[in-house]
Amino acid sequence: MKALFAAASVAALVCVVPAVSQAQSITNGRAYGSLGYAQTDGSGVDLGSIQGRLGYRFNNWVGVEGEGAFGVKDDDVTIAGTDINVDLKHQFAGYVVGFAPVGANTDLIARFGYGTTKIKGSAGGISASDDGESWNYGLGAQHHFDGVNGVRIDWTRHDFDGGNADVWSVAYTRKF
């Protein structure tokens, strides 16, 4: 699974890096980035993170994007009478994205990808970390107010082996 994630990440970077390095010559807004807040709900744990994305649209309908998030809001849960503090350390993923233009500056979005997530739990001076790999899929929408600057909202399901998490996000987005 890690090899598949690495291959997806390399594919996303191969597409995004040349676009970003030649940003001065891109006038059609194919490269984009976003920065926002994501709320993760997984197995009774609610975690918050700052999330960033870099992407590239090959045409009006298909693109790729890489995503990274770092935890900023932890949660406390009780398991077998023990209070445990849970913290999202980081989350990284690569996606193939489908766009459905519904207006000049508005798109519906569907995406499918693969990712990895690391969490940390601590209780009574003892802590442990664990990471998990997941197949991810989701839906969303974005609107660019002036054709370049906009807002994006979406939902993404992370299917881990033995569990899942729903991630809701809102972000500022910018075309390059």
N, C-alpha and C. Protein backbone atom coordinates (compact mmCIF):
# COMPACT_ATOMS: atom_id res chain seq x y z
N MET A 1 0.80 -1.19 0.00
CA MET A 1 0.00 0.00 0.00
C MET A 1 0.86 1.27 0.00
N LYS A 2 1.98 1.21 0.74
CA LYS A 2 2.84 2.39 0.77
C LYS A 2 3.42 2.69 -0.60
N ALA A 3 3.69 1.62 -1.38
CA ALA A 3 4.21 1.83 -2.73
C ALA A 3 3.17 2.51 -3.61
N LEU A 4 1.90 2.15 -3.45
CA LEU A 4 0.83 2.78 -4.22
C LEU A 4 0.69 4.25 -3.85
N PHE A 5 0.77 4.56 -2.54
CA PHE A 5 0.71 5.95 -2.10
C PHE A 5 1.89 6.74 -2.66
N ALA A 6 3.07 6.14 -2.62
CA ALA A 6 4.25 6.82 -3.15
C ALA A 6 4.10 7.08 -4.64
N ALA A 7 3.58 6.09 -5.38
CA ALA A 7 3.39 6.27 -6.82
C ALA A 7 2.38 7.38 -7.11
N ALA A 8 1.28 7.42 -6.34
CA ALA A 8 0.28 8.47 -6.53
C ALA A 8 0.86 9.84 -6.20
N SER A 9 1.68 9.91 -5.15
CA SER A 9 2.30 11.18 -4.78
C SER A 9 3.27 11.66 -5.85
N VAL A 10 4.07 10.74 -6.38
CA VAL A 10 5.01 11.10 -7.43
C VAL A 10 4.26 11.58 -8.67
N ALA A 11 3.17 10.88 -9.01
CA ALA A 11 2.38 11.30 -10.18
C ALA A 11 1.82 12.70 -9.99
N ALA A 12 1.32 12.99 -8.79
CA ALA A 12 0.79 14.33 -8.52
C ALA A 12 1.90 15.37 -8.61
N LEU A 13 3.06 15.08 -8.05
CA LEU A 13 4.16 16.04 -8.08
C LEU A 13 4.68 16.25 -9.49
N VAL A 14 4.74 15.17 -10.29
CA VAL A 14 5.22 15.31 -11.67
C VAL A 14 4.33 16.27 -12.44
N CYS A 15 3.05 16.28 -12.13
CA CYS A 15 2.12 17.17 -12.81
C CYS A 15 2.13 18.57 -12.22
N VAL A 16 2.24 18.68 -10.91
CA VAL A 16 2.11 19.98 -10.25
C VAL A 16 3.40 20.79 -10.30
N VAL A 17 4.55 20.17 -10.05
CA VAL A 17 5.80 20.92 -9.96
C VAL A 17 6.12 21.68 -11.24
N PRO A 18 6.03 21.05 -12.44
CA PRO A 18 6.30 21.85 -13.64
C PRO A 18 5.33 23.02 -13.80
N ALA A 19 4.08 22.81 -13.42
CA ALA A 19 3.10 23.89 -13.54
C ALA A 19 3.43 25.04 -12.61
N VAL A 20 3.82 24.72 -11.38
CA VAL A 20 4.14 25.77 -10.42
C VAL A 20 5.43 26.49 -10.82
N SER A 21 6.43 25.73 -11.31
CA SER A 21 7.69 26.35 -11.68
C SER A 21 7.55 27.26 -12.88
N GLN A 22 6.52 27.06 -13.69
CA GLN A 22 6.28 27.91 -14.84
C GLN A 22 5.04 28.77 -14.64
N ALA A 23 4.75 29.12 -13.40
CA ALA A 23 3.51 29.83 -13.07
C ALA A 23 3.36 31.13 -13.83
N GLN A 24 4.47 31.81 -14.13
CA GLN A 24 4.36 33.08 -14.83
C GLN A 24 3.81 32.91 -16.25
N SER A 25 3.95 31.71 -16.82
CA SER A 25 3.44 31.51 -18.17
C SER A 25 2.04 30.90 -18.20
N ILE A 26 1.53 30.50 -17.03
CA ILE A 26 0.20 29.91 -16.97
C ILE A 26 -0.82 31.03 -16.77
N THR A 27 -1.66 31.20 -17.73
CA THR A 27 -2.67 32.25 -17.61
C THR A 27 -4.08 31.67 -17.61
N ASN A 28 -4.18 30.34 -17.69
CA ASN A 28 -5.51 29.73 -17.75
C ASN A 28 -5.95 29.13 -16.43
N GLY A 29 -5.21 29.31 -15.36
CA GLY A 29 -5.64 28.85 -14.03
C GLY A 29 -5.67 27.36 -13.85
N ARG A 30 -4.80 26.61 -14.54
CA ARG A 30 -4.79 25.15 -14.39
C ARG A 30 -4.19 24.70 -13.07
N ALA A 31 -3.18 25.40 -12.57
CA ALA A 31 -2.60 25.08 -11.27
C ALA A 31 -3.41 25.80 -10.20
N TYR A 32 -3.56 25.16 -9.03
CA TYR A 32 -4.31 25.79 -7.96
C TYR A 32 -3.78 25.33 -6.61
N GLY A 33 -4.11 26.08 -5.61
CA GLY A 33 -3.77 25.74 -4.24
C GLY A 33 -4.89 26.16 -3.31
N SER A 34 -4.94 25.55 -2.15
CA SER A 34 -5.95 25.95 -1.17
C SER A 34 -5.36 25.82 0.23
N LEU A 35 -5.93 26.59 1.14
CA LEU A 35 -5.54 26.54 2.55
C LEU A 35 -6.80 26.74 3.37
N GLY A 36 -7.03 25.81 4.31
CA GLY A 36 -8.26 25.91 5.09
C GLY A 36 -8.24 25.07 6.35
N TYR A 37 -9.43 24.88 6.89
CA TYR A 37 -9.63 24.14 8.12
C TYR A 37 -10.41 22.87 7.81
N ALA A 38 -9.99 21.77 8.44
CA ALA A 38 -10.69 20.49 8.26
C ALA A 38 -11.08 19.93 9.62
N GLN A 39 -12.29 19.42 9.71
CA GLN A 39 -12.80 18.78 10.92
C GLN A 39 -12.95 17.30 10.64
N THR A 40 -12.27 16.46 11.44
CA THR A 40 -12.29 15.01 11.25
C THR A 40 -13.13 14.37 12.33
N ASP A 41 -14.08 13.53 11.93
CA ASP A 41 -14.91 12.75 12.84
C ASP A 41 -14.65 11.28 12.56
N GLY A 42 -13.98 10.62 13.50
CA GLY A 42 -13.67 9.21 13.31
C GLY A 42 -13.78 8.44 14.61
N SER A 43 -14.67 7.48 14.65
CA SER A 43 -14.83 6.60 15.81
C SER A 43 -15.02 7.37 17.11
N GLY A 44 -15.85 8.40 17.07
CA GLY A 44 -16.16 9.17 18.27
C GLY A 44 -15.12 10.19 18.65
N VAL A 45 -14.11 10.40 17.82
CA VAL A 45 -13.06 11.38 18.07
C VAL A 45 -13.20 12.50 17.07
N ASP A 46 -13.25 13.74 17.56
CA ASP A 46 -13.36 14.92 16.69
C ASP A 46 -12.04 15.69 16.74
N LEU A 47 -11.37 15.78 15.59
CA LEU A 47 -10.07 16.43 15.51
C LEU A 47 -10.11 17.54 14.48
N GLY A 48 -9.38 18.61 14.71
CA GLY A 48 -9.30 19.72 13.77
C GLY A 48 -7.90 19.85 13.21
N SER A 49 -7.81 20.34 11.98
CA SER A 49 -6.49 20.50 11.35
C SER A 49 -6.48 21.66 10.37
N ILE A 50 -5.28 22.15 10.12
CA ILE A 50 -5.04 23.09 9.02
C ILE A 50 -4.66 22.23 7.83
N GLN A 51 -5.32 22.47 6.71
CA GLN A 51 -5.17 21.61 5.54
C GLN A 51 -4.76 22.44 4.32
N GLY A 52 -3.81 21.95 3.56
CA GLY A 52 -3.38 22.60 2.34
C GLY A 52 -3.41 21.63 1.17
N ARG A 53 -3.65 22.18 -0.01
CA ARG A 53 -3.68 21.36 -1.22
C ARG A 53 -2.96 22.08 -2.35
N LEU A 54 -2.31 21.31 -3.21
CA LEU A 54 -1.78 21.80 -4.48
C LEU A 54 -2.33 20.88 -5.56
N GLY A 55 -2.81 21.48 -6.64
CA GLY A 55 -3.40 20.67 -7.70
C GLY A 55 -3.14 21.21 -9.08
N TYR A 56 -3.48 20.39 -10.04
CA TYR A 56 -3.34 20.78 -11.45
C TYR A 56 -4.50 20.18 -12.24
N ARG A 57 -5.19 21.02 -13.02
CA ARG A 57 -6.29 20.57 -13.89
C ARG A 57 -5.75 20.37 -15.29
N PHE A 58 -5.89 19.17 -15.79
CA PHE A 58 -5.45 18.88 -17.16
C PHE A 58 -6.37 19.52 -18.18
N ASN A 59 -7.65 19.59 -17.84
CA ASN A 59 -8.67 20.22 -18.69
C ASN A 59 -9.82 20.63 -17.77
N ASN A 60 -10.98 20.92 -18.33
CA ASN A 60 -12.13 21.34 -17.50
C ASN A 60 -12.65 20.23 -16.60
N TRP A 61 -12.31 18.97 -16.89
CA TRP A 61 -12.96 17.84 -16.24
C TRP A 61 -12.09 17.02 -15.30
N VAL A 62 -10.76 16.98 -15.51
CA VAL A 62 -9.91 16.05 -14.76
C VAL A 62 -8.66 16.76 -14.25
N GLY A 63 -8.26 16.39 -13.03
CA GLY A 63 -7.04 16.93 -12.46
C GLY A 63 -6.47 15.99 -11.40
N VAL A 64 -5.38 16.41 -10.78
CA VAL A 64 -4.76 15.69 -9.67
C VAL A 64 -4.46 16.70 -8.57
N GLU A 65 -4.43 16.21 -7.34
CA GLU A 65 -4.04 17.09 -6.25
C GLU A 65 -3.39 16.30 -5.13
N GLY A 66 -2.48 16.99 -4.45
CA GLY A 66 -1.85 16.48 -3.26
C GLY A 66 -2.37 17.28 -2.07
N GLU A 67 -2.48 16.61 -0.93
CA GLU A 67 -3.08 17.24 0.25
C GLU A 67 -2.26 16.91 1.48
N GLY A 68 -2.13 17.87 2.36
CA GLY A 68 -1.48 17.66 3.65
C GLY A 68 -2.22 18.40 4.73
N ALA A 69 -2.26 17.82 5.93
CA ALA A 69 -2.93 18.46 7.06
C ALA A 69 -2.14 18.19 8.33
N PHE A 70 -2.18 19.17 9.24
CA PHE A 70 -1.51 19.07 10.52
C PHE A 70 -2.49 19.46 11.61
N GLY A 71 -2.58 18.64 12.66
CA GLY A 71 -3.57 18.84 13.71
C GLY A 71 -3.40 20.12 14.50
N VAL A 72 -4.54 20.77 14.79
CA VAL A 72 -4.56 21.97 15.62
C VAL A 72 -5.60 21.88 16.74
N LYS A 73 -6.45 20.85 16.70
CA LYS A 73 -7.47 20.67 17.73
C LYS A 73 -7.52 19.19 18.11
N ASP A 74 -7.22 18.89 19.37
CA ASP A 74 -7.25 17.51 19.83
C ASP A 74 -8.60 17.20 20.47
N ASP A 75 -8.77 15.97 20.96
CA ASP A 75 -10.01 15.58 21.60
C ASP A 75 -9.69 14.61 22.73
N ASP A 76 -10.56 14.58 23.72
CA ASP A 76 -10.43 13.65 24.84
C ASP A 76 -11.56 12.64 24.75
N VAL A 77 -11.20 11.36 24.89
CA VAL A 77 -12.18 10.28 24.88
C VAL A 77 -11.93 9.40 26.09
N THR A 78 -12.96 8.69 26.50
CA THR A 78 -12.84 7.76 27.62
C THR A 78 -13.02 6.34 27.09
N ILE A 79 -12.00 5.52 27.34
CA ILE A 79 -12.04 4.13 26.91
C ILE A 79 -11.76 3.27 28.15
N ALA A 80 -12.70 2.40 28.48
CA ALA A 80 -12.58 1.51 29.64
C ALA A 80 -12.25 2.29 30.92
N GLY A 81 -12.89 3.44 31.08
CA GLY A 81 -12.72 4.25 32.27
C GLY A 81 -11.45 5.10 32.30
N THR A 82 -10.69 5.09 31.21
CA THR A 82 -9.45 5.87 31.15
C THR A 82 -9.62 7.02 30.17
N ASP A 83 -9.29 8.23 30.63
CA ASP A 83 -9.35 9.40 29.76
C ASP A 83 -8.10 9.43 28.89
N ILE A 84 -8.32 9.53 27.57
CA ILE A 84 -7.22 9.53 26.61
C ILE A 84 -7.32 10.79 25.75
N ASN A 85 -6.20 11.49 25.63
CA ASN A 85 -6.13 12.65 24.76
C ASN A 85 -5.65 12.17 23.39
N VAL A 86 -6.40 12.50 22.33
CA VAL A 86 -6.07 12.08 20.97
C VAL A 86 -5.73 13.30 20.15
N ASP A 87 -4.63 13.21 19.39
CA ASP A 87 -4.13 14.34 18.60
C ASP A 87 -3.78 13.85 17.20
N LEU A 88 -4.21 14.59 16.18
CA LEU A 88 -3.81 14.31 14.80
C LEU A 88 -2.43 14.91 14.59
N LYS A 89 -1.47 14.08 14.26
CA LYS A 89 -0.11 14.57 14.00
C LYS A 89 -0.03 15.10 12.57
N HIS A 90 -0.42 14.26 11.60
CA HIS A 90 -0.44 14.70 10.20
C HIS A 90 -1.26 13.74 9.35
N GLN A 91 -1.62 14.23 8.17
CA GLN A 91 -2.35 13.45 7.18
C GLN A 91 -1.87 13.91 5.80
N PHE A 92 -1.52 12.94 4.94
CA PHE A 92 -1.09 13.24 3.57
C PHE A 92 -1.85 12.33 2.62
N ALA A 93 -2.20 12.86 1.44
CA ALA A 93 -2.93 12.05 0.46
C ALA A 93 -2.71 12.60 -0.95
N GLY A 94 -2.92 11.74 -1.93
CA GLY A 94 -2.91 12.12 -3.34
C GLY A 94 -4.22 11.70 -3.98
N TYR A 95 -4.76 12.52 -4.88
CA TYR A 95 -6.08 12.28 -5.45
C TYR A 95 -6.11 12.50 -6.96
N VAL A 96 -7.00 11.76 -7.61
CA VAL A 96 -7.46 12.09 -8.95
C VAL A 96 -8.78 12.82 -8.74
N VAL A 97 -8.96 13.96 -9.41
CA VAL A 97 -10.12 14.81 -9.17
C VAL A 97 -10.93 14.97 -10.45
N GLY A 98 -12.23 14.82 -10.32
CA GLY A 98 -13.15 15.09 -11.41
C GLY A 98 -13.88 16.39 -11.13
N PHE A 99 -13.96 17.24 -12.14
CA PHE A 99 -14.64 18.54 -12.01
C PHE A 99 -15.85 18.54 -12.93
N ALA A 100 -16.95 19.09 -12.44
CA ALA A 100 -18.15 19.28 -13.26
C ALA A 100 -18.47 20.78 -13.22
N PRO A 101 -18.04 21.53 -14.24
CA PRO A 101 -18.35 22.96 -14.26
C PRO A 101 -19.86 23.19 -14.34
N VAL A 102 -20.39 23.96 -13.39
CA VAL A 102 -21.82 24.27 -13.40
C VAL A 102 -22.07 25.75 -13.62
N GLY A 103 -21.00 26.51 -13.80
CA GLY A 103 -21.06 27.94 -14.07
C GLY A 103 -19.67 28.39 -14.47
N ALA A 104 -19.56 29.64 -14.85
CA ALA A 104 -18.27 30.16 -15.31
C ALA A 104 -17.18 30.04 -14.23
N ASN A 105 -17.54 30.18 -12.97
CA ASN A 105 -16.56 30.14 -11.89
C ASN A 105 -16.90 29.12 -10.81
N THR A 106 -17.80 28.19 -11.10
CA THR A 106 -18.27 27.24 -10.10
C THR A 106 -18.12 25.82 -10.61
N ASP A 107 -17.59 24.93 -9.74
CA ASP A 107 -17.41 23.52 -10.07
C ASP A 107 -17.95 22.64 -8.95
N LEU A 108 -18.55 21.51 -9.34
CA LEU A 108 -18.77 20.42 -8.41
C LEU A 108 -17.54 19.54 -8.52
N ILE A 109 -17.15 18.90 -7.42
CA ILE A 109 -15.91 18.14 -7.38
C ILE A 109 -16.18 16.74 -6.84
N ALA A 110 -15.55 15.74 -7.46
CA ALA A 110 -15.51 14.38 -6.94
C ALA A 110 -14.05 13.96 -6.97
N ARG A 111 -13.61 13.25 -5.93
CA ARG A 111 -12.20 12.86 -5.91
C ARG A 111 -12.02 11.49 -5.28
N PHE A 112 -10.95 10.83 -5.72
CA PHE A 112 -10.62 9.49 -5.24
C PHE A 112 -9.11 9.41 -5.07
N GLY A 113 -8.65 8.88 -3.93
CA GLY A 113 -7.21 8.82 -3.72
C GLY A 113 -6.82 7.90 -2.59
N TYR A 114 -5.57 8.03 -2.21
CA TYR A 114 -4.97 7.18 -1.20
C TYR A 114 -4.16 8.05 -0.25
N GLY A 115 -4.22 7.73 1.04
CA GLY A 115 -3.52 8.58 2.00
C GLY A 115 -3.00 7.84 3.21
N THR A 116 -2.31 8.58 4.05
CA THR A 116 -1.79 8.07 5.30
C THR A 116 -2.06 9.10 6.41
N THR A 117 -2.38 8.62 7.58
CA THR A 117 -2.71 9.47 8.71
C THR A 117 -1.97 8.98 9.94
N LYS A 118 -1.44 9.91 10.74
CA LYS A 118 -0.76 9.55 11.98
C LYS A 118 -1.46 10.27 13.13
N ILE A 119 -1.83 9.48 14.16
CA ILE A 119 -2.44 10.04 15.36
C ILE A 119 -1.61 9.65 16.58
N LYS A 120 -1.80 10.41 17.66
CA LYS A 120 -1.11 10.14 18.91
C LYS A 120 -2.13 10.16 20.03
N GLY A 121 -2.05 9.19 20.90
CA GLY A 121 -2.90 9.13 22.09
C GLY A 121 -2.04 9.14 23.33
N SER A 122 -2.51 9.86 24.35
CA SER A 122 -1.75 9.90 25.60
C SER A 122 -2.70 9.88 26.80
N ALA A 123 -2.24 9.19 27.85
CA ALA A 123 -3.01 9.09 29.09
C ALA A 123 -2.06 8.76 30.22
N GLY A 124 -2.20 9.47 31.33
CA GLY A 124 -1.42 9.17 32.53
C GLY A 124 0.09 9.17 32.31
N GLY A 125 0.57 10.08 31.48
CA GLY A 125 2.00 10.17 31.24
C GLY A 125 2.54 9.19 30.22
N ILE A 126 1.69 8.36 29.66
CA ILE A 126 2.09 7.39 28.64
C ILE A 126 1.48 7.81 27.32
N SER A 127 2.27 7.75 26.25
CA SER A 127 1.73 8.10 24.93
C SER A 127 2.13 7.05 23.91
N ALA A 128 1.32 6.96 22.87
CA ALA A 128 1.58 6.03 21.77
C ALA A 128 1.09 6.67 20.48
N SER A 129 1.80 6.38 19.41
CA SER A 129 1.41 6.88 18.08
C SER A 129 1.09 5.70 17.18
N ASP A 130 0.23 5.97 16.22
CA ASP A 130 -0.10 4.94 15.23
C ASP A 130 -0.40 5.65 13.92
N ASP A 131 -0.11 4.97 12.84
CA ASP A 131 -0.47 5.52 11.54
C ASP A 131 -1.30 4.50 10.78
N GLY A 132 -2.11 5.00 9.88
CA GLY A 132 -2.97 4.14 9.09
C GLY A 132 -3.05 4.64 7.67
N GLU A 133 -3.21 3.70 6.77
CA GLU A 133 -3.37 4.04 5.35
C GLU A 133 -4.83 3.86 4.98
N SER A 134 -5.28 4.69 4.04
CA SER A 134 -6.71 4.66 3.71
C SER A 134 -6.95 4.96 2.24
N TRP A 135 -8.01 4.38 1.74
CA TRP A 135 -8.57 4.79 0.44
C TRP A 135 -9.55 5.90 0.75
N ASN A 136 -9.46 6.99 0.01
CA ASN A 136 -10.27 8.18 0.29
C ASN A 136 -11.12 8.54 -0.92
N TYR A 137 -12.33 9.01 -0.66
CA TYR A 137 -13.21 9.48 -1.72
C TYR A 137 -14.12 10.56 -1.16
N GLY A 138 -14.50 11.50 -2.03
CA GLY A 138 -15.32 12.58 -1.52
C GLY A 138 -15.96 13.43 -2.58
N LEU A 139 -16.79 14.37 -2.12
CA LEU A 139 -17.53 15.30 -2.98
C LEU A 139 -17.40 16.71 -2.41
N GLY A 140 -17.53 17.68 -3.29
CA GLY A 140 -17.47 19.05 -2.84
C GLY A 140 -17.87 20.02 -3.92
N ALA A 141 -17.66 21.29 -3.64
CA ALA A 141 -17.95 22.36 -4.60
C ALA A 141 -16.99 23.51 -4.33
N GLN A 142 -16.72 24.27 -5.38
CA GLN A 142 -15.89 25.47 -5.24
C GLN A 142 -16.45 26.56 -6.13
N HIS A 143 -16.24 27.78 -5.66
CA HIS A 143 -16.66 28.95 -6.45
C HIS A 143 -15.54 29.99 -6.36
N HIS A 144 -15.12 30.50 -7.52
CA HIS A 144 -14.10 31.56 -7.58
C HIS A 144 -14.81 32.87 -7.87
N PHE A 145 -14.79 33.76 -6.90
CA PHE A 145 -15.54 35.01 -6.98
C PHE A 145 -15.09 35.90 -8.13
N ASP A 146 -13.79 35.96 -8.35
CA ASP A 146 -13.25 36.81 -9.41
C ASP A 146 -12.55 36.00 -10.50
N GLY A 147 -12.80 34.70 -10.54
CA GLY A 147 -12.14 33.83 -11.50
C GLY A 147 -10.81 33.30 -11.01
N VAL A 148 -10.26 33.86 -9.94
CA VAL A 148 -8.96 33.44 -9.40
C VAL A 148 -9.06 33.06 -7.92
N ASN A 149 -9.68 33.90 -7.11
CA ASN A 149 -9.81 33.69 -5.67
C ASN A 149 -11.20 33.15 -5.35
N GLY A 150 -11.23 32.14 -4.47
CA GLY A 150 -12.53 31.56 -4.17
C GLY A 150 -12.56 30.78 -2.88
N VAL A 151 -13.64 30.01 -2.73
CA VAL A 151 -13.86 29.19 -1.55
C VAL A 151 -14.23 27.78 -2.02
N ARG A 152 -13.79 26.79 -1.22
CA ARG A 152 -14.07 25.40 -1.53
C ARG A 152 -14.58 24.73 -0.26
N ILE A 153 -15.63 23.94 -0.38
CA ILE A 153 -16.13 23.13 0.72
C ILE A 153 -16.18 21.69 0.22
N ASP A 154 -15.85 20.74 1.10
CA ASP A 154 -15.96 19.34 0.68
C ASP A 154 -16.02 18.39 1.86
N TRP A 155 -16.40 17.18 1.54
CA TRP A 155 -16.45 16.05 2.46
C TRP A 155 -15.62 14.94 1.85
N THR A 156 -14.80 14.30 2.68
CA THR A 156 -14.00 13.17 2.22
C THR A 156 -14.10 12.05 3.24
N ARG A 157 -14.37 10.84 2.75
CA ARG A 157 -14.40 9.64 3.60
C ARG A 157 -13.03 8.97 3.49
N HIS A 158 -12.43 8.67 4.64
CA HIS A 158 -11.17 7.92 4.70
C HIS A 158 -11.52 6.51 5.18
N ASP A 159 -11.35 5.51 4.32
CA ASP A 159 -11.63 4.12 4.68
C ASP A 159 -10.34 3.42 5.06
N PHE A 160 -10.15 3.24 6.37
CA PHE A 160 -9.00 2.52 6.90
C PHE A 160 -9.35 1.05 7.02
N ASP A 161 -8.35 0.21 7.15
CA ASP A 161 -8.58 -1.20 7.43
C ASP A 161 -9.13 -1.30 8.86
N GLY A 162 -10.42 -1.54 8.99
CA GLY A 162 -11.02 -1.66 10.31
C GLY A 162 -11.70 -0.41 10.83
N GLY A 163 -11.82 0.63 10.04
CA GLY A 163 -12.50 1.83 10.50
C GLY A 163 -12.57 2.87 9.40
N ASN A 164 -13.21 4.00 9.73
CA ASN A 164 -13.29 5.09 8.75
C ASN A 164 -13.39 6.41 9.48
N ALA A 165 -13.20 7.47 8.72
CA ALA A 165 -13.32 8.83 9.27
C ALA A 165 -13.93 9.71 8.20
N ASP A 166 -14.75 10.66 8.63
CA ASP A 166 -15.32 11.66 7.73
C ASP A 166 -14.61 12.99 7.99
N VAL A 167 -14.15 13.62 6.91
CA VAL A 167 -13.43 14.88 7.01
C VAL A 167 -14.22 15.95 6.26
N TRP A 168 -14.62 17.00 6.97
CA TRP A 168 -15.33 18.13 6.38
C TRP A 168 -14.36 19.30 6.34
N SER A 169 -14.27 19.98 5.20
CA SER A 169 -13.32 21.09 5.13
C SER A 169 -13.89 22.29 4.40
N VAL A 170 -13.36 23.45 4.77
CA VAL A 170 -13.66 24.70 4.09
C VAL A 170 -12.32 25.40 3.89
N ALA A 171 -12.12 25.95 2.68
CA ALA A 171 -10.80 26.51 2.37
C ALA A 171 -10.88 27.68 1.41
N TYR A 172 -9.91 28.56 1.53
CA TYR A 172 -9.66 29.59 0.53
C TYR A 172 -8.91 28.88 -0.59
N THR A 173 -9.28 29.15 -1.83
CA THR A 173 -8.61 28.54 -2.98
C THR A 173 -8.18 29.62 -3.95
N ARG A 174 -7.07 29.36 -4.62
CA ARG A 174 -6.53 30.33 -5.58
C ARG A 174 -5.99 29.59 -6.80
N LYS A 175 -6.37 30.08 -7.98
CA LYS A 175 -5.83 29.56 -9.24
C LYS A 175 -4.55 30.33 -9.57
N PHE A 176 -3.59 29.64 -10.13
CA PHE A 176 -2.32 30.28 -10.53
C PHE A 176 -2.23 30.38 -12.03
